[in-house]
N, C-alpha and C. Protein backbone atom coordinates (compact mmCIF):
# COMPACT_ATOMS: atom_id res chain seq x y z
N UNK A 1 94.62 108.48 112.53
CA UNK A 1 93.91 107.83 111.43
C UNK A 1 92.90 106.83 111.99
N UNK A 2 91.68 106.88 111.47
CA UNK A 2 90.64 105.98 111.94
C UNK A 2 90.96 104.54 111.57
N UNK A 3 90.80 103.62 112.51
CA UNK A 3 91.09 102.22 112.23
C UNK A 3 89.94 101.53 111.50
N UNK A 4 88.73 102.12 111.55
CA UNK A 4 87.61 101.61 110.76
C UNK A 4 86.51 102.66 110.69
N UNK A 5 85.68 102.55 109.65
CA UNK A 5 84.53 103.44 109.54
C UNK A 5 83.47 102.80 108.65
N UNK A 6 82.21 103.15 108.91
CA UNK A 6 81.08 102.64 108.13
C UNK A 6 80.71 103.64 107.06
N UNK A 7 80.44 103.12 105.86
CA UNK A 7 80.10 104.01 104.75
C UNK A 7 79.24 103.28 103.73
N UNK A 8 78.80 104.02 102.73
CA UNK A 8 78.00 103.45 101.65
C UNK A 8 78.94 102.94 100.57
N UNK A 9 78.85 101.66 100.26
CA UNK A 9 79.64 101.10 99.15
C UNK A 9 78.89 101.26 97.83
N UNK A 10 77.59 101.00 97.89
CA UNK A 10 76.75 101.14 96.70
C UNK A 10 75.43 101.75 97.11
N UNK A 11 75.09 102.87 96.50
CA UNK A 11 73.85 103.57 96.84
C UNK A 11 72.62 102.84 96.34
N UNK A 12 71.49 103.18 96.93
CA UNK A 12 70.22 102.58 96.53
C UNK A 12 69.10 103.61 96.55
N UNK A 13 67.90 103.14 96.36
CA UNK A 13 66.74 104.03 96.32
C UNK A 13 65.57 103.38 97.04
N UNK A 14 64.86 104.18 97.82
CA UNK A 14 63.68 103.71 98.52
C UNK A 14 62.58 104.74 98.43
N UNK A 15 61.34 104.29 98.55
CA UNK A 15 60.21 105.22 98.39
C UNK A 15 59.10 104.87 99.37
N UNK A 16 58.46 105.90 99.91
CA UNK A 16 57.26 105.73 100.71
C UNK A 16 56.20 106.72 100.20
N UNK A 17 54.96 106.44 100.52
CA UNK A 17 53.86 107.36 100.20
C UNK A 17 53.14 107.70 101.49
N UNK A 18 52.92 108.99 101.71
CA UNK A 18 52.23 109.47 102.91
C UNK A 18 51.18 110.49 102.49
N UNK A 19 49.91 110.12 102.65
CA UNK A 19 48.79 111.00 102.27
C UNK A 19 48.96 111.52 100.84
N UNK A 20 49.25 110.59 99.95
CA UNK A 20 49.41 110.84 98.51
C UNK A 20 50.67 111.59 98.12
N UNK A 21 51.47 112.01 99.10
CA UNK A 21 52.78 112.59 98.78
C UNK A 21 53.79 111.46 98.62
N UNK A 22 54.58 111.52 97.55
CA UNK A 22 55.64 110.53 97.32
C UNK A 22 56.96 111.06 97.86
N UNK A 23 57.66 110.24 98.61
CA UNK A 23 58.98 110.58 99.13
C UNK A 23 59.97 109.55 98.58
N UNK A 24 60.86 110.00 97.72
CA UNK A 24 61.82 109.11 97.07
C UNK A 24 63.21 109.43 97.62
N UNK A 25 63.82 108.47 98.30
CA UNK A 25 65.15 108.67 98.87
C UNK A 25 66.20 108.00 97.99
N UNK A 26 67.20 108.77 97.59
CA UNK A 26 68.30 108.25 96.80
C UNK A 26 69.58 108.42 97.61
N UNK A 27 70.35 107.34 97.71
CA UNK A 27 71.56 107.31 98.54
C UNK A 27 72.78 107.18 97.64
N UNK A 28 73.86 107.85 98.02
CA UNK A 28 75.10 107.76 97.24
C UNK A 28 76.31 107.86 98.15
N UNK A 29 77.38 107.12 97.83
CA UNK A 29 78.66 107.39 98.51
C UNK A 29 79.17 108.75 98.08
N UNK A 30 79.92 109.42 98.94
CA UNK A 30 80.49 110.74 98.61
C UNK A 30 81.74 110.92 99.45
N UNK A 31 82.89 110.84 98.83
CA UNK A 31 84.15 110.94 99.57
C UNK A 31 84.60 112.38 99.77
N UNK A 32 83.90 113.34 99.15
CA UNK A 32 84.23 114.75 99.32
C UNK A 32 82.95 115.58 99.20
N UNK A 33 83.03 116.82 99.64
CA UNK A 33 81.86 117.69 99.53
C UNK A 33 81.53 117.94 98.06
N UNK A 34 82.54 118.01 97.23
CA UNK A 34 82.31 118.21 95.79
C UNK A 34 81.49 117.06 95.21
N UNK A 35 81.84 115.83 95.58
CA UNK A 35 81.07 114.67 95.11
C UNK A 35 79.64 114.74 95.59
N UNK A 36 79.45 115.12 96.85
CA UNK A 36 78.11 115.22 97.41
C UNK A 36 77.28 116.25 96.65
N UNK A 37 77.87 117.41 96.38
CA UNK A 37 77.14 118.48 95.69
C UNK A 37 76.80 118.09 94.25
N UNK A 38 77.70 117.39 93.58
CA UNK A 38 77.42 116.91 92.22
C UNK A 38 76.27 115.92 92.22
N UNK A 39 76.25 115.04 93.22
CA UNK A 39 75.16 114.07 93.35
C UNK A 39 73.84 114.79 93.59
N UNK A 40 73.84 115.76 94.49
CA UNK A 40 72.60 116.51 94.80
C UNK A 40 72.10 117.22 93.55
N UNK A 41 73.00 117.84 92.80
CA UNK A 41 72.60 118.54 91.59
C UNK A 41 72.03 117.57 90.55
N UNK A 42 72.60 116.38 90.47
CA UNK A 42 72.08 115.38 89.52
C UNK A 42 70.67 114.95 89.89
N UNK A 43 70.38 114.88 91.20
CA UNK A 43 69.03 114.51 91.64
C UNK A 43 68.04 115.65 91.35
N UNK A 44 68.49 116.87 91.51
CA UNK A 44 67.62 118.02 91.18
C UNK A 44 67.26 118.03 89.69
N UNK A 45 68.22 117.65 88.86
CA UNK A 45 67.95 117.59 87.42
C UNK A 45 67.03 116.41 87.08
N UNK A 46 67.27 115.30 87.74
CA UNK A 46 66.44 114.11 87.48
C UNK A 46 65.00 114.35 87.90
N UNK A 47 64.83 114.96 89.09
CA UNK A 47 63.48 115.21 89.63
C UNK A 47 63.18 116.71 89.57
N UNK A 48 63.37 117.29 88.42
CA UNK A 48 63.21 118.74 88.25
C UNK A 48 61.78 119.21 88.51
N UNK A 49 60.81 118.30 88.35
CA UNK A 49 59.41 118.69 88.50
C UNK A 49 58.87 118.44 89.91
N UNK A 50 59.74 118.03 90.82
CA UNK A 50 59.29 117.75 92.19
C UNK A 50 59.18 119.05 92.99
N UNK A 51 58.36 119.02 94.04
CA UNK A 51 58.20 120.20 94.89
C UNK A 51 59.47 120.45 95.72
N UNK A 52 60.07 119.40 96.22
CA UNK A 52 61.24 119.54 97.10
C UNK A 52 62.28 118.45 96.80
N UNK A 53 63.54 118.83 96.88
CA UNK A 53 64.66 117.88 96.87
C UNK A 53 65.53 118.21 98.09
N UNK A 54 65.18 117.59 99.19
CA UNK A 54 65.87 117.86 100.45
C UNK A 54 67.06 116.90 100.59
N UNK A 55 68.09 117.33 101.32
CA UNK A 55 69.28 116.48 101.38
C UNK A 55 70.04 116.64 102.68
N UNK A 56 70.96 115.69 102.86
CA UNK A 56 71.94 115.77 103.94
C UNK A 56 73.14 114.94 103.52
N UNK A 57 74.31 115.35 104.02
CA UNK A 57 75.49 114.54 103.76
C UNK A 57 76.49 114.68 104.91
N UNK A 58 77.30 113.65 105.07
CA UNK A 58 78.36 113.62 106.09
C UNK A 58 79.65 113.24 105.39
N UNK A 59 80.67 114.08 105.52
CA UNK A 59 81.94 113.87 104.84
C UNK A 59 83.06 113.77 105.89
N UNK A 60 84.00 112.87 105.64
CA UNK A 60 85.14 112.69 106.55
C UNK A 60 84.96 111.45 107.40
N UNK A 61 86.05 110.73 107.62
CA UNK A 61 85.98 109.47 108.37
C UNK A 61 85.49 109.66 109.81
N UNK A 62 85.64 110.87 110.32
CA UNK A 62 85.13 111.19 111.66
C UNK A 62 83.87 112.05 111.57
N UNK A 63 83.32 112.16 110.38
CA UNK A 63 82.12 112.98 110.20
C UNK A 63 82.38 114.45 110.44
N UNK A 64 83.56 114.92 109.99
CA UNK A 64 83.95 116.31 110.26
C UNK A 64 83.02 117.33 109.62
N UNK A 65 82.46 117.00 108.45
CA UNK A 65 81.62 117.96 107.73
C UNK A 65 80.20 117.40 107.60
N UNK A 66 79.24 118.16 108.11
CA UNK A 66 77.83 117.77 108.03
C UNK A 66 77.03 118.94 107.46
N UNK A 67 76.22 118.66 106.46
CA UNK A 67 75.38 119.69 105.86
C UNK A 67 73.99 119.11 105.57
N UNK A 68 72.97 119.98 105.61
CA UNK A 68 71.63 119.54 105.24
C UNK A 68 70.82 120.72 104.74
N UNK A 69 69.73 120.41 104.03
CA UNK A 69 68.85 121.47 103.50
C UNK A 69 67.41 120.98 103.51
N UNK A 70 66.50 121.89 103.93
CA UNK A 70 65.07 121.58 103.91
C UNK A 70 64.44 121.90 102.55
N UNK A 71 65.15 122.62 101.70
CA UNK A 71 64.70 122.95 100.34
C UNK A 71 63.23 123.40 100.30
N UNK A 72 62.90 124.34 101.15
CA UNK A 72 61.56 124.91 101.12
C UNK A 72 60.56 124.29 102.08
N UNK A 73 60.87 123.15 102.64
CA UNK A 73 60.01 122.57 103.68
C UNK A 73 60.19 123.39 104.97
N UNK A 74 59.23 123.33 105.90
CA UNK A 74 59.40 124.04 107.17
C UNK A 74 60.71 123.67 107.85
N UNK A 75 61.36 124.65 108.45
CA UNK A 75 62.67 124.44 109.06
C UNK A 75 62.72 123.26 110.02
N UNK A 76 63.71 122.41 109.84
CA UNK A 76 63.93 121.27 110.74
C UNK A 76 63.10 120.05 110.45
N UNK A 77 62.27 120.08 109.38
CA UNK A 77 61.36 118.95 109.13
C UNK A 77 61.88 117.97 108.09
N UNK A 78 62.96 118.31 107.38
CA UNK A 78 63.40 117.46 106.27
C UNK A 78 64.90 117.16 106.33
N UNK A 79 65.72 118.20 106.12
CA UNK A 79 67.16 117.97 106.08
C UNK A 79 67.72 117.40 107.36
N UNK A 80 67.30 117.94 108.49
CA UNK A 80 67.83 117.46 109.76
C UNK A 80 67.44 116.01 110.03
N UNK A 81 66.18 115.61 109.81
CA UNK A 81 65.84 114.19 109.99
C UNK A 81 66.65 113.27 109.06
N UNK A 82 66.92 113.72 107.83
CA UNK A 82 67.74 112.91 106.93
C UNK A 82 69.14 112.76 107.51
N UNK A 83 69.70 113.87 107.98
CA UNK A 83 71.04 113.85 108.58
C UNK A 83 71.07 112.92 109.79
N UNK A 84 70.02 112.96 110.60
CA UNK A 84 70.00 112.12 111.80
C UNK A 84 69.93 110.64 111.46
N UNK A 85 69.34 110.30 110.32
CA UNK A 85 69.35 108.90 109.89
C UNK A 85 70.78 108.49 109.52
N UNK A 86 71.49 109.36 108.80
CA UNK A 86 72.87 109.05 108.41
C UNK A 86 73.75 108.87 109.65
N UNK A 87 73.70 109.84 110.56
CA UNK A 87 74.55 109.78 111.75
C UNK A 87 74.10 108.67 112.70
N UNK A 88 72.80 108.41 112.74
CA UNK A 88 72.29 107.34 113.59
C UNK A 88 72.78 105.97 113.17
N UNK A 89 73.07 105.82 111.87
CA UNK A 89 73.63 104.56 111.36
C UNK A 89 75.14 104.54 111.45
N UNK A 90 75.72 105.63 111.97
CA UNK A 90 77.18 105.70 112.10
C UNK A 90 77.90 105.79 110.78
N UNK A 91 77.26 106.41 109.78
CA UNK A 91 77.83 106.47 108.44
C UNK A 91 78.60 107.76 108.21
N UNK A 92 79.60 107.67 107.36
CA UNK A 92 80.30 108.85 106.90
C UNK A 92 80.55 108.70 105.40
N UNK A 93 80.98 109.79 104.77
CA UNK A 93 81.17 109.81 103.31
C UNK A 93 79.92 109.28 102.60
N UNK A 94 78.80 109.85 102.99
CA UNK A 94 77.50 109.40 102.47
C UNK A 94 76.58 110.60 102.29
N UNK A 95 75.72 110.51 101.27
CA UNK A 95 74.75 111.57 101.00
C UNK A 95 73.39 110.95 100.68
N UNK A 96 72.33 111.64 101.11
CA UNK A 96 70.97 111.21 100.80
C UNK A 96 70.17 112.42 100.31
N UNK A 97 69.49 112.23 99.20
CA UNK A 97 68.52 113.22 98.72
C UNK A 97 67.14 112.59 98.80
N UNK A 98 66.21 113.27 99.45
CA UNK A 98 64.82 112.80 99.50
C UNK A 98 63.97 113.77 98.68
N UNK A 99 63.39 113.24 97.63
CA UNK A 99 62.55 114.02 96.71
C UNK A 99 61.10 113.86 97.11
N UNK A 100 60.38 115.00 97.17
CA UNK A 100 58.96 114.93 97.52
C UNK A 100 58.10 115.46 96.38
N UNK A 101 57.16 114.61 95.98
CA UNK A 101 56.09 115.04 95.07
C UNK A 101 54.86 115.26 95.92
N UNK A 102 54.45 116.51 96.04
CA UNK A 102 53.35 116.88 96.93
C UNK A 102 52.03 116.26 96.48
N UNK A 103 51.33 115.67 97.45
CA UNK A 103 50.08 114.97 97.13
C UNK A 103 48.82 115.78 97.40
N UNK A 104 48.98 117.02 97.84
CA UNK A 104 47.82 117.87 98.04
C UNK A 104 47.36 118.00 99.47
N UNK A 105 47.93 117.19 100.38
CA UNK A 105 47.53 117.24 101.79
C UNK A 105 48.72 117.61 102.65
N UNK A 106 48.56 118.62 103.49
CA UNK A 106 49.63 119.03 104.40
C UNK A 106 49.83 117.96 105.46
N UNK A 107 51.09 117.69 105.79
CA UNK A 107 51.38 116.63 106.76
C UNK A 107 51.67 117.16 108.15
N UNK A 108 51.92 118.46 108.26
CA UNK A 108 52.30 119.00 109.56
C UNK A 108 53.76 118.70 109.84
N UNK A 109 54.34 119.39 110.81
CA UNK A 109 55.78 119.23 111.08
C UNK A 109 56.12 117.80 111.52
N UNK A 110 55.30 117.25 112.42
CA UNK A 110 55.57 115.89 112.88
C UNK A 110 55.47 114.87 111.76
N UNK A 111 54.47 115.04 110.92
CA UNK A 111 54.28 114.12 109.80
C UNK A 111 55.43 114.20 108.81
N UNK A 112 55.93 115.42 108.57
CA UNK A 112 57.06 115.58 107.65
C UNK A 112 58.32 114.93 108.21
N UNK A 113 58.58 115.14 109.48
CA UNK A 113 59.77 114.53 110.10
C UNK A 113 59.70 113.01 109.97
N UNK A 114 58.54 112.45 110.27
CA UNK A 114 58.40 110.99 110.19
C UNK A 114 58.56 110.50 108.75
N UNK A 115 58.01 111.24 107.80
CA UNK A 115 58.08 110.83 106.40
C UNK A 115 59.50 110.89 105.87
N UNK A 116 60.21 111.97 106.14
CA UNK A 116 61.58 112.09 105.65
C UNK A 116 62.51 111.08 106.34
N UNK A 117 62.24 110.81 107.61
CA UNK A 117 63.01 109.80 108.32
C UNK A 117 62.77 108.41 107.73
N UNK A 118 61.51 108.07 107.52
CA UNK A 118 61.16 106.75 107.00
C UNK A 118 61.70 106.54 105.59
N UNK A 119 61.59 107.58 104.75
CA UNK A 119 62.10 107.47 103.38
C UNK A 119 63.61 107.26 103.38
N UNK A 120 64.33 108.00 104.22
CA UNK A 120 65.78 107.86 104.30
C UNK A 120 66.18 106.45 104.72
N UNK A 121 65.46 105.89 105.67
CA UNK A 121 65.75 104.53 106.12
C UNK A 121 65.48 103.52 105.00
N UNK A 122 64.44 103.77 104.21
CA UNK A 122 64.16 102.89 103.07
C UNK A 122 65.29 102.95 102.05
N UNK A 123 65.80 104.16 101.81
CA UNK A 123 66.91 104.30 100.88
C UNK A 123 68.15 103.55 101.35
N UNK A 124 68.46 103.65 102.63
CA UNK A 124 69.62 102.95 103.17
C UNK A 124 69.41 101.43 103.15
N UNK A 125 68.16 101.00 103.36
CA UNK A 125 67.87 99.57 103.36
C UNK A 125 68.15 98.93 102.01
N UNK A 126 68.06 99.72 100.94
CA UNK A 126 68.31 99.20 99.60
C UNK A 126 69.75 99.45 99.14
N UNK A 127 70.55 100.03 100.01
CA UNK A 127 71.95 100.31 99.69
C UNK A 127 72.86 99.22 100.28
N UNK A 128 74.11 99.21 99.84
CA UNK A 128 75.10 98.29 100.40
C UNK A 128 76.00 99.09 101.33
N UNK A 129 75.95 98.75 102.62
CA UNK A 129 76.74 99.43 103.64
C UNK A 129 77.90 98.53 104.05
N UNK A 130 79.09 99.09 104.15
CA UNK A 130 80.25 98.30 104.53
C UNK A 130 81.02 99.00 105.65
N UNK A 131 81.78 98.20 106.38
CA UNK A 131 82.73 98.74 107.35
C UNK A 131 84.13 98.59 106.75
N UNK A 132 84.77 99.73 106.49
CA UNK A 132 86.12 99.70 105.95
C UNK A 132 87.11 99.68 107.12
N UNK A 133 88.04 98.74 107.06
CA UNK A 133 88.99 98.51 108.15
C UNK A 133 90.39 98.87 107.68
N UNK A 134 91.12 99.60 108.52
CA UNK A 134 92.51 99.92 108.20
C UNK A 134 93.35 98.66 108.38
N UNK A 135 94.00 98.26 107.30
CA UNK A 135 94.78 97.03 107.34
C UNK A 135 96.20 97.21 106.85
N UNK A 136 97.00 96.21 107.12
CA UNK A 136 98.40 96.16 106.70
C UNK A 136 98.57 94.99 105.73
N UNK A 137 99.21 95.26 104.59
CA UNK A 137 99.60 94.16 103.71
C UNK A 137 100.83 93.50 104.34
N UNK A 138 100.63 92.30 104.84
CA UNK A 138 101.73 91.59 105.52
C UNK A 138 102.30 90.55 104.57
N UNK A 139 103.59 90.69 104.26
CA UNK A 139 104.29 89.76 103.38
C UNK A 139 105.00 88.74 104.26
N UNK A 140 104.68 87.46 104.08
CA UNK A 140 105.23 86.39 104.92
C UNK A 140 106.06 85.46 104.05
N UNK A 141 107.30 85.25 104.43
CA UNK A 141 108.18 84.29 103.75
C UNK A 141 108.50 83.15 104.71
N UNK A 142 108.29 81.93 104.26
CA UNK A 142 108.49 80.77 105.13
C UNK A 142 108.97 79.57 104.32
N UNK A 143 109.51 78.58 105.01
CA UNK A 143 109.79 77.32 104.34
C UNK A 143 108.54 76.45 104.42
N UNK A 144 108.56 75.31 103.77
CA UNK A 144 107.36 74.48 103.71
C UNK A 144 107.00 73.88 105.06
N UNK A 145 107.99 73.77 105.96
CA UNK A 145 107.70 73.23 107.29
C UNK A 145 106.79 74.16 108.09
N UNK A 146 106.93 75.47 107.85
CA UNK A 146 106.12 76.41 108.62
C UNK A 146 104.80 76.76 107.98
N UNK A 147 104.59 76.32 106.74
CA UNK A 147 103.40 76.73 106.00
C UNK A 147 102.10 76.30 106.69
N UNK A 148 102.04 75.05 107.12
CA UNK A 148 100.81 74.53 107.73
C UNK A 148 100.43 75.31 108.98
N UNK A 149 101.43 75.64 109.80
CA UNK A 149 101.17 76.38 111.03
C UNK A 149 100.66 77.79 110.71
N UNK A 150 101.27 78.43 109.72
CA UNK A 150 100.84 79.78 109.34
C UNK A 150 99.41 79.75 108.80
N UNK A 151 99.11 78.77 107.95
CA UNK A 151 97.76 78.65 107.41
C UNK A 151 96.74 78.42 108.53
N UNK A 152 97.13 77.66 109.54
CA UNK A 152 96.23 77.41 110.68
C UNK A 152 95.98 78.71 111.45
N UNK A 153 97.04 79.48 111.71
CA UNK A 153 96.90 80.74 112.45
C UNK A 153 96.01 81.72 111.69
N UNK A 154 96.25 81.82 110.38
CA UNK A 154 95.45 82.74 109.57
C UNK A 154 93.99 82.29 109.54
N UNK A 155 93.77 80.99 109.42
CA UNK A 155 92.40 80.46 109.38
C UNK A 155 91.66 80.71 110.68
N UNK A 156 92.36 80.56 111.80
CA UNK A 156 91.74 80.81 113.10
C UNK A 156 91.32 82.27 113.25
N UNK A 157 92.05 83.16 112.61
CA UNK A 157 91.75 84.59 112.68
C UNK A 157 90.82 85.05 111.57
N UNK A 158 90.46 84.14 110.67
CA UNK A 158 89.57 84.50 109.57
C UNK A 158 90.23 85.39 108.54
N UNK A 159 91.56 85.27 108.42
CA UNK A 159 92.31 86.11 107.47
C UNK A 159 92.52 85.35 106.16
N UNK A 160 92.23 86.02 105.06
CA UNK A 160 92.35 85.41 103.74
C UNK A 160 93.71 85.73 103.12
N UNK A 161 94.27 84.76 102.41
CA UNK A 161 95.53 84.96 101.71
C UNK A 161 95.25 85.63 100.37
N UNK A 162 95.83 86.81 100.17
CA UNK A 162 95.62 87.55 98.93
C UNK A 162 96.43 86.98 97.78
N UNK A 163 97.63 86.57 98.10
CA UNK A 163 98.53 86.09 97.05
C UNK A 163 99.48 85.06 97.63
N UNK A 164 99.83 84.04 96.86
CA UNK A 164 100.79 83.04 97.31
C UNK A 164 101.71 82.66 96.16
N UNK A 165 102.99 82.53 96.46
CA UNK A 165 104.00 82.15 95.48
C UNK A 165 104.79 80.99 96.05
N UNK A 166 104.86 79.88 95.30
CA UNK A 166 105.55 78.68 95.76
C UNK A 166 106.79 78.44 94.90
N UNK A 167 107.96 78.54 95.51
CA UNK A 167 109.22 78.19 94.85
C UNK A 167 109.96 77.26 95.81
N UNK A 168 111.24 77.52 96.05
CA UNK A 168 111.92 76.73 97.08
C UNK A 168 111.45 77.13 98.47
N UNK A 169 110.85 78.34 98.54
CA UNK A 169 110.18 78.79 99.76
C UNK A 169 108.75 79.18 99.42
N UNK A 170 107.99 79.61 100.40
CA UNK A 170 106.61 80.05 100.18
C UNK A 170 106.50 81.51 100.57
N UNK A 171 105.88 82.31 99.70
CA UNK A 171 105.65 83.72 99.98
C UNK A 171 104.14 83.98 99.98
N UNK A 172 103.65 84.51 101.07
CA UNK A 172 102.22 84.80 101.22
C UNK A 172 102.02 86.29 101.46
N UNK A 173 100.94 86.82 100.92
CA UNK A 173 100.54 88.19 101.22
C UNK A 173 99.15 88.16 101.82
N UNK A 174 99.02 88.78 102.99
CA UNK A 174 97.78 88.74 103.75
C UNK A 174 97.42 90.15 104.19
N UNK A 175 96.13 90.47 104.20
CA UNK A 175 95.65 91.74 104.76
C UNK A 175 95.29 91.51 106.22
N UNK A 176 95.97 92.23 107.09
CA UNK A 176 95.76 92.07 108.53
C UNK A 176 95.24 93.39 109.10
N UNK A 177 94.13 93.39 109.84
CA UNK A 177 93.69 94.62 110.50
C UNK A 177 94.81 95.20 111.35
N UNK A 178 95.03 96.50 111.27
CA UNK A 178 96.17 97.11 111.95
C UNK A 178 96.13 96.84 113.45
N UNK A 179 94.94 96.74 114.01
CA UNK A 179 94.82 96.49 115.45
C UNK A 179 95.24 95.07 115.85
N UNK A 180 95.31 94.17 114.86
CA UNK A 180 95.68 92.78 115.15
C UNK A 180 97.10 92.45 114.71
N UNK A 181 97.79 93.40 114.12
CA UNK A 181 99.09 93.13 113.52
C UNK A 181 100.09 92.56 114.52
N UNK A 182 100.19 93.19 115.68
CA UNK A 182 101.17 92.75 116.68
C UNK A 182 100.90 91.32 117.13
N UNK A 183 99.64 91.03 117.42
CA UNK A 183 99.29 89.69 117.90
C UNK A 183 99.54 88.64 116.83
N UNK A 184 99.11 88.91 115.60
CA UNK A 184 99.30 87.96 114.50
C UNK A 184 100.79 87.72 114.25
N UNK A 185 101.56 88.79 114.22
CA UNK A 185 103.00 88.67 113.98
C UNK A 185 103.65 87.80 115.04
N UNK A 186 103.28 88.03 116.31
CA UNK A 186 103.85 87.22 117.40
C UNK A 186 103.45 85.76 117.28
N UNK A 187 102.19 85.50 116.91
CA UNK A 187 101.74 84.11 116.79
C UNK A 187 102.50 83.38 115.67
N UNK A 188 102.70 84.07 114.55
CA UNK A 188 103.41 83.45 113.43
C UNK A 188 104.88 83.23 113.80
N UNK A 189 105.49 84.20 114.45
CA UNK A 189 106.89 84.07 114.85
C UNK A 189 107.07 82.91 115.82
N UNK A 190 106.19 82.83 116.80
CA UNK A 190 106.28 81.73 117.77
C UNK A 190 105.95 80.39 117.13
N UNK A 191 104.92 80.40 116.26
CA UNK A 191 104.49 79.14 115.64
C UNK A 191 105.52 78.55 114.70
N UNK A 192 106.39 79.39 114.15
CA UNK A 192 107.42 78.90 113.22
C UNK A 192 108.81 78.95 113.85
N UNK A 193 108.85 79.13 115.16
CA UNK A 193 110.12 79.21 115.90
C UNK A 193 111.06 80.25 115.30
N UNK A 194 110.46 81.36 114.87
CA UNK A 194 111.24 82.47 114.36
C UNK A 194 111.77 82.28 112.95
N UNK A 195 111.32 81.25 112.25
CA UNK A 195 111.83 80.98 110.90
C UNK A 195 111.14 81.82 109.83
N UNK A 196 109.90 82.23 110.08
CA UNK A 196 109.18 83.03 109.09
C UNK A 196 109.68 84.47 109.12
N UNK A 197 109.78 85.08 107.93
CA UNK A 197 110.18 86.48 107.81
C UNK A 197 108.96 87.31 107.47
N UNK A 198 108.69 88.32 108.27
CA UNK A 198 107.51 89.16 108.09
C UNK A 198 107.91 90.57 107.68
N UNK A 199 107.24 91.09 106.67
CA UNK A 199 107.51 92.46 106.22
C UNK A 199 106.20 93.17 105.95
N UNK A 200 106.08 94.43 106.40
CA UNK A 200 104.92 95.25 106.06
C UNK A 200 105.10 95.81 104.65
N UNK A 201 104.04 95.71 103.85
CA UNK A 201 104.12 96.16 102.46
C UNK A 201 103.02 97.17 102.15
N UNK A 202 102.86 98.15 103.03
CA UNK A 202 101.87 99.20 102.81
C UNK A 202 100.59 98.98 103.58
N UNK A 203 99.81 100.04 103.69
CA UNK A 203 98.54 99.99 104.40
C UNK A 203 97.41 100.42 103.47
N UNK A 204 96.21 100.02 103.81
CA UNK A 204 95.04 100.38 103.01
C UNK A 204 93.80 100.12 103.86
N UNK A 205 92.68 100.62 103.39
CA UNK A 205 91.40 100.24 103.97
C UNK A 205 90.84 99.10 103.14
N UNK A 206 90.19 98.16 103.80
CA UNK A 206 89.57 97.05 103.08
C UNK A 206 88.24 96.70 103.72
N UNK A 207 87.42 96.00 102.96
CA UNK A 207 86.11 95.58 103.46
C UNK A 207 85.76 94.23 102.86
N UNK A 208 84.94 93.50 103.57
CA UNK A 208 84.45 92.21 103.10
C UNK A 208 83.16 92.45 102.32
N UNK A 209 83.18 92.13 101.02
CA UNK A 209 82.01 92.33 100.17
C UNK A 209 81.74 91.06 99.40
N UNK A 210 80.56 90.50 99.59
CA UNK A 210 80.19 89.25 98.93
C UNK A 210 81.22 88.15 99.16
N UNK A 211 81.73 88.10 100.39
CA UNK A 211 82.66 87.04 100.75
C UNK A 211 84.09 87.26 100.29
N UNK A 212 84.36 88.42 99.68
CA UNK A 212 85.71 88.70 99.20
C UNK A 212 86.22 90.00 99.81
N UNK A 213 87.53 90.04 100.02
CA UNK A 213 88.14 91.26 100.53
C UNK A 213 88.38 92.23 99.37
N UNK A 214 87.89 93.45 99.53
CA UNK A 214 88.11 94.47 98.51
C UNK A 214 88.91 95.60 99.12
N UNK A 215 89.93 96.04 98.40
CA UNK A 215 90.85 97.05 98.90
C UNK A 215 90.44 98.43 98.44
N UNK A 216 90.56 99.41 99.35
CA UNK A 216 90.28 100.81 99.06
C UNK A 216 91.42 101.66 99.60
N UNK A 217 91.57 102.84 99.07
CA UNK A 217 92.43 103.88 99.67
C UNK A 217 93.81 103.36 100.06
N UNK A 218 94.61 103.03 99.08
CA UNK A 218 95.97 102.56 99.35
C UNK A 218 96.76 103.64 100.09
N UNK A 219 97.49 103.25 101.12
CA UNK A 219 98.30 104.17 101.92
C UNK A 219 99.71 103.58 102.02
N UNK A 220 100.70 104.35 101.62
CA UNK A 220 102.08 103.84 101.67
C UNK A 220 102.95 104.71 102.54
C-alpha cells in the first residue's frame, strides 16, 4: 500500500490562445476509469461544437492505468503531451481534457505539442493539488500529569489533535503518518514513563487542506 500519493482534490480550468486557436484545459479528480470516462463524456457534451476534445488520465495510486487520445489531432501531438504533464507532476487519479477551437491557422506538430502542454499546465495551476498520506488514527489515554508532555511531542511533530475527551483521564485521537507511528509511540511512551495507553483505531489517507486535516479512504 502506498504511504502517500499526489492527486487532484479540486479540479480547475485554464485557457491559452495560440494563433487564434483556443485551448481550454479542464481538470478533474478521477478515482476510477469509469469516473474518468464520465468526465470526458461530459466535456464532449459541454464543448460539442469544438474541433477536438483531447484527453489523458492516470488511475491508481501507482499510476497503474494510463490512457490518452489525440481525438483527431496528428498522432502524439495532444493526448501524449497532456499525459506527460500529469505524470510530470507526479499525479494519479486525475484526468485532463483539453478542448480546441480551431482558429484557422495550422500550428504544426511542434506547435500543437507546446500548446497542449501549456494548456494542461494552466489547468493544473487553477486546480487544488494535495498529497494524501497514509495515516493511523492513534487513540491516546493518559492522566493529567502526562498531558502536557504528550501535547509537546505532538506539537513538535506538527500533529493535530482530532478529538479530545476530558474526564478523570484524558483521551486524545490523533492522525499519525504510518511512517512515523513507531517513533511517535516510543516518544509518548518514554515521555510519560509508560503511563499512556496507545491504541490503533484504523487507518486512512489524509491531507492538509486550508490548514485543516481532511480524511479520505477509511481503511480498517
